[in-house]
Amino acid sequence: MSDDTDRATIETGILVEVMRPILACRSPEVQSAALADLIAYLLAGMPPPLRPEMRAMFIQLVDDLIPQNERELFGDLGHPFTRSRQ
């Protein structure tokens, strides 16, 4: 990894750790609305022709991060809903 990538990874981790407790005590609806507003703000700052591609990249990143976060929340067995279906 480059120094810039390492720095970005560290900054991301710090920001996530600051935001998690703020979001954790809110309902899923409020969490979703707040995150949607932040993403809309991010996308609004980009040139309109780039927004669809950047939105797609964002959603792909979210999808890629779900398994890791599910393990952090529920351990190696995964989400209880998934376990109840096996």
Protein backbone atom coordinates (compact mmCIF):
# COMPACT_ATOMS: atom_id res chain seq x y z
CA MET A 1 0.00 0.00 0.00
CA SER A 2 1.10 3.53 -0.60
CA ASP A 3 1.51 6.07 2.17
CA ASP A 4 -1.61 7.87 0.88
CA THR A 5 -3.62 4.64 1.01
CA ASP A 6 -2.34 3.87 4.51
CA ARG A 7 -3.24 7.37 5.68
CA ALA A 8 -6.71 7.17 4.12
CA THR A 9 -7.31 3.79 5.79
CA ILE A 10 -6.30 5.17 9.18
CA GLU A 11 -8.43 8.29 8.74
CA THR A 12 -11.40 6.16 7.66
CA GLY A 13 -11.08 3.97 10.75
CA ILE A 14 -10.94 7.01 13.05
CA LEU A 15 -13.97 8.62 11.41
CA VAL A 16 -15.98 5.39 11.56
CA GLU A 17 -15.16 4.93 15.26
CA VAL A 18 -16.32 8.50 15.99
CA MET A 19 -19.55 8.09 14.00
CA ARG A 20 -20.61 4.61 15.19
CA PRO A 21 -21.57 5.64 18.74
CA ILE A 22 -23.44 8.67 17.42
CA LEU A 23 -25.49 6.50 15.08
CA ALA A 24 -25.84 3.51 17.41
CA CYS A 25 -28.33 5.18 19.74
CA ARG A 26 -30.62 6.19 16.84
CA SER A 27 -33.33 4.21 15.08
CA PRO A 28 -32.53 2.52 11.75
CA GLU A 29 -34.74 5.08 10.01
CA VAL A 30 -32.77 8.01 11.46
CA GLN A 31 -29.44 6.30 10.77
CA SER A 32 -30.45 5.68 7.15
CA ALA A 33 -31.68 9.22 6.62
CA ALA A 34 -28.53 10.75 8.12
CA LEU A 35 -26.22 8.55 6.04
CA ALA A 36 -28.27 9.20 2.90
CA ASP A 37 -27.99 12.93 3.48
CA LEU A 38 -24.21 12.69 3.86
CA ILE A 39 -23.89 10.62 0.68
CA ALA A 40 -26.13 13.05 -1.21
CA TYR A 41 -23.88 15.88 -0.01
CA LEU A 42 -20.82 13.98 -1.25
CA LEU A 43 -22.40 13.27 -4.64
CA ALA A 44 -23.70 16.84 -5.01
CA GLY A 45 -20.11 18.05 -4.91
CA MET A 46 -19.20 15.91 -7.91
CA PRO A 47 -19.78 16.82 -11.55
CA PRO A 48 -23.28 15.56 -12.52
CA PRO A 49 -21.97 13.24 -15.29
CA LEU A 50 -19.85 11.36 -12.71
CA ARG A 51 -22.59 10.89 -10.13
CA PRO A 52 -24.16 7.65 -11.47
CA GLU A 53 -20.77 5.92 -11.63
CA MET A 54 -19.73 7.18 -8.20
CA ARG A 55 -23.09 6.15 -6.70
CA ALA A 56 -22.65 2.66 -8.18
CA MET A 57 -19.11 2.45 -6.80
CA PHE A 58 -20.38 3.53 -3.39
CA ILE A 59 -23.11 0.87 -3.35
CA GLN A 60 -20.57 -1.76 -4.42
CA LEU A 61 -18.28 -0.71 -1.56
CA VAL A 62 -21.20 -0.96 0.89
CA ASP A 63 -22.02 -4.46 -0.41
CA ASP A 64 -18.36 -5.48 -0.10
CA LEU A 65 -18.20 -4.26 3.51
CA ILE A 66 -21.36 -6.03 4.75
CA PRO A 67 -19.74 -9.46 5.43
CA GLN A 68 -16.90 -7.90 7.44
CA ASN A 69 -19.30 -5.79 9.49
CA GLU A 70 -21.67 -8.70 10.00
CA ARG A 71 -18.79 -10.73 11.46
CA GLU A 72 -17.92 -7.81 13.77
CA LEU A 73 -21.52 -7.59 14.97
CA PHE A 74 -22.44 -11.28 15.20
CA GLY A 75 -19.23 -13.32 15.05
CA ASP A 76 -18.27 -16.00 12.56
CA LEU A 77 -21.74 -17.57 12.60
CA GLY A 78 -23.20 -14.48 10.94
CA HIS A 79 -26.51 -12.73 11.37
CA PRO A 80 -29.05 -14.59 13.56
CA PHE A 81 -31.64 -14.36 10.77
CA THR A 82 -29.32 -16.26 8.43
CA ARG A 83 -28.58 -18.87 11.10
CA SER A 84 -32.28 -19.45 11.73
CA ARG A 85 -32.79 -20.25 8.03
CA GLN A 86 -30.07 -22.93 7.85
